[in-house]
Amino acid sequence: MRLIKKLSTGWLLVACVASFNSYAMPSARKADMDAVVKNAAEDAMRQHGIPGLAIAIAAGGEQWFYSYGVASKKTEQKITEDTIFEIGSVSKTFTATLATYAQANGQLSLTDSPGKYLPQLRGTSLDKVTLVNLGTHTAGGFPLQVPDAIGNTGQLMDYFKAWQPAHVAGTERSYANPSIGMLGVVVAKSMKMPFEEAMEQQLFRRLGMFDSFINVPAGKMPLYAQGYNRNDEPVRLNPGVLAAEAYGVKTSAKDLIRFVEANMGLLSLDEKLQRAITGTHTGYYKLGAMTQDLIWEQYSYPATLNALLEGNSAKMALESHAVVELKPPQPPQKEVWINKTGSTNGFGAYVAFVPAKKIGIVVLANKNYPNESRVRLAHQILVQLDCCARARQ
């Protein structure tokens, strides 16, 4: 196990005193915190045969990094906070942020329809939904994945032109890669640049995320962890159509916890970018205990473990569910637990944060393992962290 503690840049620690009385815990209490993380991580690794795990914690202006295991069984290279992981559908939160950033720049409006930017879709069923629908899985019923027969952009556009909804837009939530993928296509079109370039240059670099990529460059490949599937075979992402927009980001625990801090307002950022990030926390639909933001999913805090497990369950991802539209949309909240899971064949990721408490967590593994274990691990750690903070008040 490798533990590193750092102080975030761009944030004055004194600003967290009012809510936390500082996270400079007494050594005994910090040791308890470290033990909770270690035990939770090692239990998950043992139960699911995870080769390597990176955990990053944000706590009121401080960052703590915990690294376990190896990035590759073959080389036995150790996991660090700089190890690059595939994060699967956590990538969607970046696509959503790029959309709100384009809106902040006046390049699009989330109330527009896709046909405004893609003339070939004008007059189709897809032209009757909004970009908000695409970013909240409420367009009317896309499948989880882009159909296997679609292999290029032309075939993709033909698919979208022929698409017919199963539900009225805004009435059902059907978690889908084609939906957020189309939002990414529209964003790139509005920004007049390839999606990969927009993501890396307009978002990652502006956020100070220098080990985050759609396509990992040759010079960074030594940091790229080897993923392992359920049969423990070495695998990495074999991208298909809309992979970049829906599940193609590769990043490190160090970079991703910085994104979490940005989502909690702990960094000094350009006003438009910060407004765009916060805008992704707007609530549009209600489904049980979960509020559907722009890709992010939120729960009233304190969130029960059962609510989080239900909201991040396979049933929630694989089935359509009736939703209640919030009219008007709910402004970004502070007293909420915001989260997102992500997976590829060889990697598993989970991100969660509580803006009011200024605490957040990133859990990255080079194996795809059940969401339930990721949520339990993160919940256990953040509850302990919150308890330590309140004990200091």
Protein backbone atom coordinates (compact mmCIF):
# COMPACT_ATOMS: atom_id res chain seq x y z
CA MET A 1 0.00 0.00 0.00
CA ARG A 2 1.25 3.47 -0.91
CA LEU A 3 -0.21 6.52 0.85
CA ILE A 4 0.42 10.10 -0.17
CA LYS A 5 -1.16 13.27 1.22
CA LYS A 6 -1.17 16.48 -0.80
CA LEU A 7 -2.64 19.96 -0.49
CA SER A 8 -4.71 21.00 -3.49
CA THR A 9 -3.62 24.02 -5.50
CA GLY A 10 -5.94 26.93 -6.13
CA TRP A 11 -7.78 26.59 -2.79
CA LEU A 12 -7.25 28.36 0.48
CA LEU A 13 -7.47 25.84 3.29
CA VAL A 14 -8.93 28.45 5.60
CA ALA A 15 -12.09 28.43 3.49
CA CYS A 16 -13.00 24.98 4.79
CA VAL A 17 -12.61 25.89 8.46
CA ALA A 18 -16.20 27.03 8.87
CA SER A 19 -17.59 23.67 7.80
CA PHE A 20 -14.82 21.31 8.89
CA ASN A 21 -12.58 23.00 11.41
CA SER A 22 -9.80 21.69 9.11
CA TYR A 23 -9.06 18.13 8.03
CA ALA A 24 -5.78 18.14 9.94
CA MET A 25 -6.92 15.18 12.00
CA PRO A 26 -5.22 14.02 15.18
CA SER A 27 -2.82 11.23 14.32
CA ALA A 28 -4.92 8.57 16.04
CA ARG A 29 -8.05 9.52 14.11
CA LYS A 30 -6.12 9.73 10.83
CA ALA A 31 -4.74 6.26 11.53
CA ASP A 32 -8.32 5.04 11.95
CA MET A 33 -9.20 6.60 8.61
CA ASP A 34 -6.25 4.95 6.90
CA ALA A 35 -7.20 1.59 8.40
CA VAL A 36 -10.77 1.91 7.08
CA VAL A 37 -9.48 2.59 3.56
CA LYS A 38 -6.94 -0.21 3.70
CA ASN A 39 -9.38 -2.80 4.99
CA ALA A 40 -12.11 -1.81 2.53
CA ALA A 41 -9.70 -1.85 -0.41
CA GLU A 42 -8.08 -5.15 0.48
CA ASP A 43 -11.47 -6.80 1.05
CA ALA A 44 -12.65 -5.73 -2.42
CA MET A 45 -9.41 -6.83 -4.07
CA ARG A 46 -9.49 -10.20 -2.37
CA GLN A 47 -13.18 -10.83 -3.08
CA HIS A 48 -12.99 -9.95 -6.76
CA GLY A 49 -9.40 -10.76 -7.68
CA ILE A 50 -8.54 -7.15 -8.51
CA PRO A 51 -4.85 -6.78 -9.45
CA GLY A 52 -4.62 -3.05 -8.71
CA LEU A 53 -6.67 -0.36 -7.02
CA ALA A 54 -6.17 3.40 -6.75
CA ILE A 55 -8.23 5.45 -4.29
CA ALA A 56 -8.12 9.23 -4.12
CA ILE A 57 -9.91 11.25 -1.45
CA ALA A 58 -10.67 14.97 -1.46
CA ALA A 59 -11.26 16.46 1.97
CA GLY A 60 -11.82 20.19 2.29
CA GLY A 61 -8.76 21.21 0.27
CA GLU A 62 -6.52 18.22 0.95
CA GLN A 63 -5.95 15.17 -1.24
CA TRP A 64 -5.10 11.71 0.05
CA PHE A 65 -3.93 8.94 -2.27
CA TYR A 66 -3.96 5.22 -1.52
CA SER A 67 -2.46 2.76 -3.99
CA TYR A 68 -2.64 -1.04 -3.84
CA GLY A 69 -1.43 -3.87 -6.04
CA VAL A 70 -0.06 -3.80 -9.57
CA ALA A 71 -0.85 -2.10 -12.85
CA SER A 72 0.25 -5.24 -14.70
CA LYS A 73 0.59 -8.81 -13.53
CA LYS A 74 3.25 -9.36 -16.17
CA THR A 75 5.57 -6.48 -15.25
CA GLU A 76 4.45 -6.16 -11.59
CA GLN A 77 4.58 -2.38 -11.98
CA LYS A 78 3.02 -0.83 -8.87
CA ILE A 79 -0.15 1.24 -8.91
CA THR A 80 0.37 4.94 -8.11
CA GLU A 81 -1.79 8.05 -8.19
CA ASP A 82 -0.40 8.64 -11.73
CA THR A 83 -1.44 5.26 -13.13
CA ILE A 84 -3.85 5.70 -16.04
CA PHE A 85 -7.11 3.73 -15.96
CA GLU A 86 -10.04 3.36 -18.32
CA ILE A 87 -13.06 4.90 -16.56
CA GLY A 88 -15.89 3.70 -18.81
CA SER A 89 -19.13 5.62 -18.34
CA VAL A 90 -17.63 8.10 -15.90
CA SER A 91 -16.49 9.55 -19.24
CA LYS A 92 -20.08 10.67 -19.77
CA THR A 93 -19.72 13.27 -17.01
CA PHE A 94 -17.01 14.94 -19.09
CA THR A 95 -19.17 14.88 -22.22
CA ALA A 96 -21.94 16.52 -20.20
CA THR A 97 -19.51 19.14 -18.89
CA LEU A 98 -18.28 19.85 -22.41
CA ALA A 99 -21.92 20.42 -23.41
CA THR A 100 -22.55 22.91 -20.59
CA TYR A 101 -19.25 24.61 -21.41
CA ALA A 102 -20.31 24.99 -25.03
CA GLN A 103 -23.56 26.48 -23.75
CA ALA A 104 -21.65 28.90 -21.50
CA ASN A 105 -19.70 29.97 -24.59
CA GLY A 106 -22.90 30.58 -26.55
CA GLN A 107 -22.17 27.74 -28.97
CA LEU A 108 -25.33 25.75 -28.18
CA SER A 109 -28.36 25.64 -25.92
CA LEU A 110 -29.38 22.49 -24.07
CA THR A 111 -33.00 23.22 -25.01
CA ASP A 112 -32.11 22.85 -28.72
CA SER A 113 -32.79 19.71 -30.72
CA PRO A 114 -30.01 17.76 -32.48
CA GLY A 115 -31.34 18.77 -35.90
CA LYS A 116 -30.26 22.36 -35.32
CA TYR A 117 -26.64 21.21 -35.57
CA LEU A 118 -27.00 18.12 -37.76
CA PRO A 119 -29.10 18.99 -40.83
CA GLN A 120 -29.46 15.33 -41.82
CA LEU A 121 -31.57 14.77 -38.70
CA ARG A 122 -34.06 17.57 -39.31
CA GLY A 123 -37.60 16.29 -39.45
CA THR A 124 -36.73 12.93 -37.88
CA SER A 125 -37.98 11.56 -34.56
CA LEU A 126 -34.65 12.50 -32.96
CA ASP A 127 -35.22 16.10 -33.96
CA LYS A 128 -38.16 16.19 -31.55
CA VAL A 129 -36.02 15.68 -28.43
CA THR A 130 -33.76 18.16 -26.69
CA LEU A 131 -30.10 17.97 -25.76
CA VAL A 132 -31.25 17.74 -22.12
CA ASN A 133 -33.11 14.55 -23.05
CA LEU A 134 -29.91 13.15 -24.56
CA GLY A 135 -27.92 13.99 -21.43
CA THR A 136 -30.48 12.53 -19.02
CA HIS A 137 -31.28 9.26 -20.86
CA THR A 138 -34.86 10.46 -21.48
CA ALA A 139 -34.92 10.80 -25.29
CA GLY A 140 -37.47 8.01 -25.65
CA GLY A 141 -35.69 4.68 -25.54
CA PHE A 142 -32.30 3.93 -27.04
CA PRO A 143 -30.60 0.56 -26.47
CA LEU A 144 -27.75 0.39 -23.98
CA GLN A 145 -25.15 0.00 -26.72
CA VAL A 146 -24.80 1.13 -30.32
CA PRO A 147 -25.92 -1.87 -32.42
CA ASP A 148 -23.01 -4.10 -33.48
CA ALA A 149 -23.82 -3.70 -37.17
CA ILE A 150 -22.95 0.01 -37.07
CA GLY A 151 -19.30 0.51 -37.92
CA ASN A 152 -18.90 4.05 -39.27
CA THR A 153 -20.34 7.55 -39.13
CA GLY A 154 -22.53 7.10 -42.19
CA GLN A 155 -24.19 4.01 -40.76
CA LEU A 156 -24.60 5.81 -37.43
CA MET A 157 -26.44 8.72 -39.05
CA ASP A 158 -28.67 6.30 -40.94
CA TYR A 159 -29.47 4.62 -37.62
CA PHE A 160 -30.39 7.91 -35.97
CA LYS A 161 -32.49 9.00 -38.96
CA ALA A 162 -34.48 5.77 -38.79
CA TRP A 163 -34.78 5.67 -34.98
CA GLN A 164 -38.30 5.57 -33.55
CA PRO A 165 -38.91 6.22 -29.84
CA ALA A 166 -40.57 3.66 -27.61
CA HIS A 167 -41.71 6.40 -25.21
CA VAL A 168 -42.58 10.08 -25.28
CA ALA A 169 -39.45 12.12 -24.62
CA GLY A 170 -39.10 13.02 -20.95
CA THR A 171 -41.28 10.24 -19.57
CA GLU A 172 -38.90 7.25 -19.28
CA ARG A 173 -35.24 6.88 -18.38
CA SER A 174 -33.38 4.36 -20.54
CA TYR A 175 -29.65 4.41 -19.78
CA ALA A 176 -27.94 4.44 -23.18
CA ASN A 177 -24.61 5.04 -24.88
CA PRO A 178 -26.21 6.20 -28.16
CA SER A 179 -27.99 9.00 -26.28
CA ILE A 180 -24.95 10.60 -24.64
CA GLY A 181 -22.93 9.73 -27.74
CA MET A 182 -25.24 11.84 -29.88
CA LEU A 183 -24.90 14.69 -27.39
CA GLY A 184 -21.13 14.48 -27.85
CA VAL A 185 -21.51 14.57 -31.63
CA VAL A 186 -23.67 17.70 -31.37
CA VAL A 187 -21.20 19.37 -28.98
CA ALA A 188 -18.27 18.77 -31.32
CA LYS A 189 -20.29 20.12 -34.23
CA SER A 190 -21.20 23.25 -32.28
CA MET A 191 -17.56 23.79 -31.27
CA LYS A 192 -16.38 23.20 -34.86
CA MET A 193 -13.68 20.70 -33.91
CA PRO A 194 -13.26 16.93 -33.52
CA PHE A 195 -14.71 15.61 -30.26
CA GLU A 196 -11.35 14.25 -29.06
CA GLU A 197 -9.70 17.63 -29.59
CA ALA A 198 -12.52 19.47 -27.85
CA MET A 199 -12.37 17.15 -24.85
CA GLU A 200 -8.61 17.17 -24.42
CA GLN A 201 -7.85 20.80 -25.26
CA GLN A 202 -11.00 22.64 -24.18
CA LEU A 203 -11.72 20.67 -21.03
CA PHE A 204 -8.92 18.46 -19.68
CA ARG A 205 -6.14 21.00 -20.12
CA ARG A 206 -8.24 23.89 -18.80
CA LEU A 207 -8.89 21.77 -15.71
CA GLY A 208 -5.19 21.06 -15.22
CA MET A 209 -5.69 17.38 -16.05
CA PHE A 210 -2.52 16.48 -17.95
CA ASP A 211 -2.75 12.70 -17.68
CA SER A 212 -6.26 12.46 -19.15
CA PHE A 213 -6.89 11.39 -22.73
CA ILE A 214 -9.26 9.85 -25.22
CA ASN A 215 -6.27 8.32 -26.99
CA VAL A 216 -3.28 7.72 -24.70
CA PRO A 217 -0.15 9.08 -26.44
CA ALA A 218 2.94 6.92 -26.85
CA GLY A 219 4.86 8.86 -24.22
CA LYS A 220 2.20 8.09 -21.59
CA MET A 221 1.72 4.41 -22.41
CA PRO A 222 4.05 3.26 -19.58
CA LEU A 223 1.48 4.74 -17.15
CA TYR A 224 -1.48 2.96 -18.78
CA ALA A 225 -2.58 0.06 -16.59
CA GLN A 226 -3.30 -3.34 -18.06
CA GLY A 227 -6.95 -4.25 -17.61
CA TYR A 228 -8.25 -7.72 -16.80
CA ASN A 229 -11.65 -9.16 -17.66
CA ARG A 230 -13.83 -11.47 -15.56
CA ASN A 231 -11.73 -14.43 -16.70
CA ASP A 232 -8.52 -12.61 -15.65
CA GLU A 233 -7.46 -12.27 -19.29
CA PRO A 234 -5.53 -9.06 -20.17
CA VAL A 235 -7.73 -6.64 -22.12
CA ARG A 236 -7.91 -2.99 -23.05
CA LEU A 237 -10.64 -0.94 -24.67
CA ASN A 238 -11.42 -1.81 -28.29
CA PRO A 239 -13.30 1.36 -29.18
CA GLY A 240 -16.38 1.27 -31.36
CA VAL A 241 -18.61 4.00 -32.79
CA LEU A 242 -19.31 6.72 -30.16
CA ALA A 243 -16.75 5.23 -27.75
CA ALA A 244 -14.99 8.57 -27.30
CA GLU A 245 -18.20 10.33 -26.37
CA ALA A 246 -19.69 7.64 -24.13
CA TYR A 247 -16.95 5.61 -22.43
CA GLY A 248 -13.54 6.39 -23.90
CA VAL A 249 -11.72 8.54 -21.30
CA LYS A 250 -8.52 7.26 -19.71
CA THR A 251 -7.25 9.13 -16.66
CA SER A 252 -5.47 8.87 -13.33
CA ALA A 253 -6.67 9.05 -9.75
CA LYS A 254 -4.72 12.31 -9.41
CA ASP A 255 -6.50 13.91 -12.37
CA LEU A 256 -9.94 12.55 -11.55
CA ILE A 257 -9.91 13.75 -7.95
CA ARG A 258 -9.04 17.18 -9.33
CA PHE A 259 -12.22 16.98 -11.42
CA VAL A 260 -14.12 16.06 -8.25
CA GLU A 261 -12.68 19.13 -6.51
CA ALA A 262 -13.74 21.27 -9.48
CA ASN A 263 -17.26 19.88 -9.08
CA MET A 264 -17.21 20.98 -5.42
CA GLY A 265 -15.96 24.47 -6.27
CA LEU A 266 -12.53 23.95 -4.70
CA LEU A 267 -10.39 25.09 -7.64
CA SER A 268 -9.67 28.50 -9.08
CA LEU A 269 -11.14 28.20 -12.58
CA ASP A 270 -12.36 30.40 -15.39
CA GLU A 271 -15.86 31.64 -14.51
CA LYS A 272 -17.48 30.06 -17.56
CA LEU A 273 -15.86 26.71 -16.91
CA GLN A 274 -16.90 26.70 -13.26
CA ARG A 275 -20.43 27.67 -14.24
CA ALA A 276 -20.47 24.84 -16.76
CA ILE A 277 -19.28 22.29 -14.19
CA THR A 278 -21.83 23.39 -11.60
CA GLY A 279 -24.52 23.38 -14.29
CA THR A 280 -24.19 19.63 -14.72
CA HIS A 281 -25.65 19.29 -11.19
CA THR A 282 -29.02 20.73 -12.27
CA GLY A 283 -31.77 18.19 -11.53
CA TYR A 284 -34.13 17.40 -14.41
CA TYR A 285 -35.95 14.18 -13.48
CA LYS A 286 -36.85 12.22 -10.37
CA LEU A 287 -36.67 8.43 -10.17
CA GLY A 288 -37.23 7.05 -6.69
CA ALA A 289 -34.57 8.40 -4.34
CA MET A 290 -32.40 9.46 -7.29
CA THR A 291 -32.47 12.80 -9.09
CA GLN A 292 -31.15 12.63 -12.64
CA ASP A 293 -28.84 15.51 -13.36
CA LEU A 294 -26.97 15.95 -16.63
CA ILE A 295 -25.41 12.43 -16.48
CA TRP A 296 -24.55 12.81 -12.77
CA GLU A 297 -26.98 11.09 -10.39
CA GLN A 298 -27.73 12.65 -7.01
CA TYR A 299 -29.34 11.68 -3.70
CA SER A 300 -30.33 13.72 -0.65
CA TYR A 301 -27.56 13.68 1.96
CA PRO A 302 -27.05 11.74 4.10
CA ALA A 303 -27.68 9.07 1.46
CA THR A 304 -28.56 5.59 2.64
CA LEU A 305 -26.47 2.72 1.36
CA ASN A 306 -29.61 0.95 0.14
CA ALA A 307 -30.62 3.95 -1.97
CA LEU A 308 -27.17 4.13 -3.54
CA LEU A 309 -27.10 0.40 -4.24
CA GLU A 310 -30.51 0.55 -5.89
CA GLY A 311 -29.62 3.60 -7.95
CA ASN A 312 -26.39 2.02 -9.18
CA SER A 313 -27.88 -1.44 -9.78
CA ALA A 314 -27.91 -3.42 -13.02
CA LYS A 315 -31.70 -3.10 -13.09
CA MET A 316 -31.39 0.68 -13.17
CA ALA A 317 -28.98 0.51 -16.12
CA LEU A 318 -30.62 -2.26 -18.13
CA GLU A 319 -34.33 -1.44 -17.82
CA SER A 320 -36.48 1.58 -18.65
CA HIS A 321 -38.06 3.38 -15.71
CA ALA A 322 -40.78 6.03 -15.57
CA VAL A 323 -39.52 9.40 -14.38
CA VAL A 324 -41.11 12.58 -13.07
CA GLU A 325 -39.94 15.76 -14.76
CA LEU A 326 -38.88 18.53 -12.39
CA LYS A 327 -40.58 21.77 -13.46
CA PRO A 328 -38.70 24.00 -13.31
CA PRO A 329 -35.42 22.07 -13.20
CA GLN A 330 -33.91 21.84 -9.71
CA PRO A 331 -30.96 24.22 -9.21
CA PRO A 332 -27.65 22.64 -8.13
CA GLN A 333 -27.85 21.45 -4.52
CA LYS A 334 -25.19 21.25 -1.80
CA GLU A 335 -26.63 18.72 0.65
CA VAL A 336 -26.49 15.85 -1.83
CA TRP A 337 -24.44 12.76 -2.66
CA ILE A 338 -23.52 12.94 -6.37
CA ASN A 339 -22.08 9.87 -8.09
CA LYS A 340 -21.34 7.96 -11.29
CA THR A 341 -20.08 4.46 -12.04
CA GLY A 342 -18.15 3.39 -15.12
CA SER A 343 -16.87 0.14 -16.59
CA THR A 344 -15.07 -1.32 -19.58
CA ASN A 345 -14.31 -5.00 -20.06
CA GLY A 346 -11.11 -4.68 -18.05
CA PHE A 347 -11.66 -1.74 -15.68
CA GLY A 348 -14.10 -0.52 -13.02
CA ALA A 349 -14.52 3.05 -11.73
CA TYR A 350 -16.66 4.93 -9.22
CA VAL A 351 -16.77 8.62 -8.33
CA ALA A 352 -18.80 10.22 -5.52
CA PHE A 353 -18.78 13.56 -3.72
CA VAL A 354 -20.82 15.67 -1.28
CA PRO A 355 -20.55 19.41 -2.13
CA ALA A 356 -21.78 20.61 1.27
CA LYS A 357 -19.14 18.59 3.08
CA LYS A 358 -16.36 19.21 0.53
CA ILE A 359 -15.55 15.50 0.54
CA GLY A 360 -15.23 13.20 -2.44
CA ILE A 361 -13.72 9.92 -3.56
CA VAL A 362 -12.38 8.26 -6.69
CA VAL A 363 -12.03 4.47 -6.85
CA LEU A 364 -10.23 3.03 -9.90
CA ALA A 365 -9.51 -0.66 -10.55
CA ASN A 366 -7.90 -2.53 -13.43
CA LYS A 367 -10.66 -5.11 -13.37
CA ASN A 368 -14.40 -4.89 -13.98
CA TYR A 369 -16.10 -5.85 -10.71
CA PRO A 370 -19.67 -5.33 -9.43
CA ASN A 371 -20.97 -1.81 -8.87
CA GLU A 372 -22.32 -2.92 -5.50
CA SER A 373 -18.80 -3.48 -4.16
CA ARG A 374 -17.59 -0.12 -5.46
CA VAL A 375 -20.49 1.71 -3.85
CA ARG A 376 -20.08 -0.11 -0.53
CA LEU A 377 -16.36 0.66 -0.48
CA ALA A 378 -16.81 4.36 -1.22
CA HIS A 379 -19.77 4.76 1.14
CA GLN A 380 -17.86 3.19 4.01
CA ILE A 381 -14.92 5.53 3.47
CA LEU A 382 -16.89 8.76 3.03
CA VAL A 383 -19.10 8.03 6.04
CA GLN A 384 -15.95 7.54 8.13
CA LEU A 385 -14.47 10.74 6.73
CA ASP A 386 -17.63 12.71 7.52
CA CYS A 387 -17.67 11.30 11.06
CA CYS A 388 -14.06 12.37 11.59
CA ALA A 389 -14.86 15.84 10.32
CA ARG A 390 -17.84 16.24 12.66
CA ALA A 391 -15.78 14.96 15.56
CA ARG A 392 -13.40 17.87 14.99
CA GLN A 393 -16.14 20.49 15.13
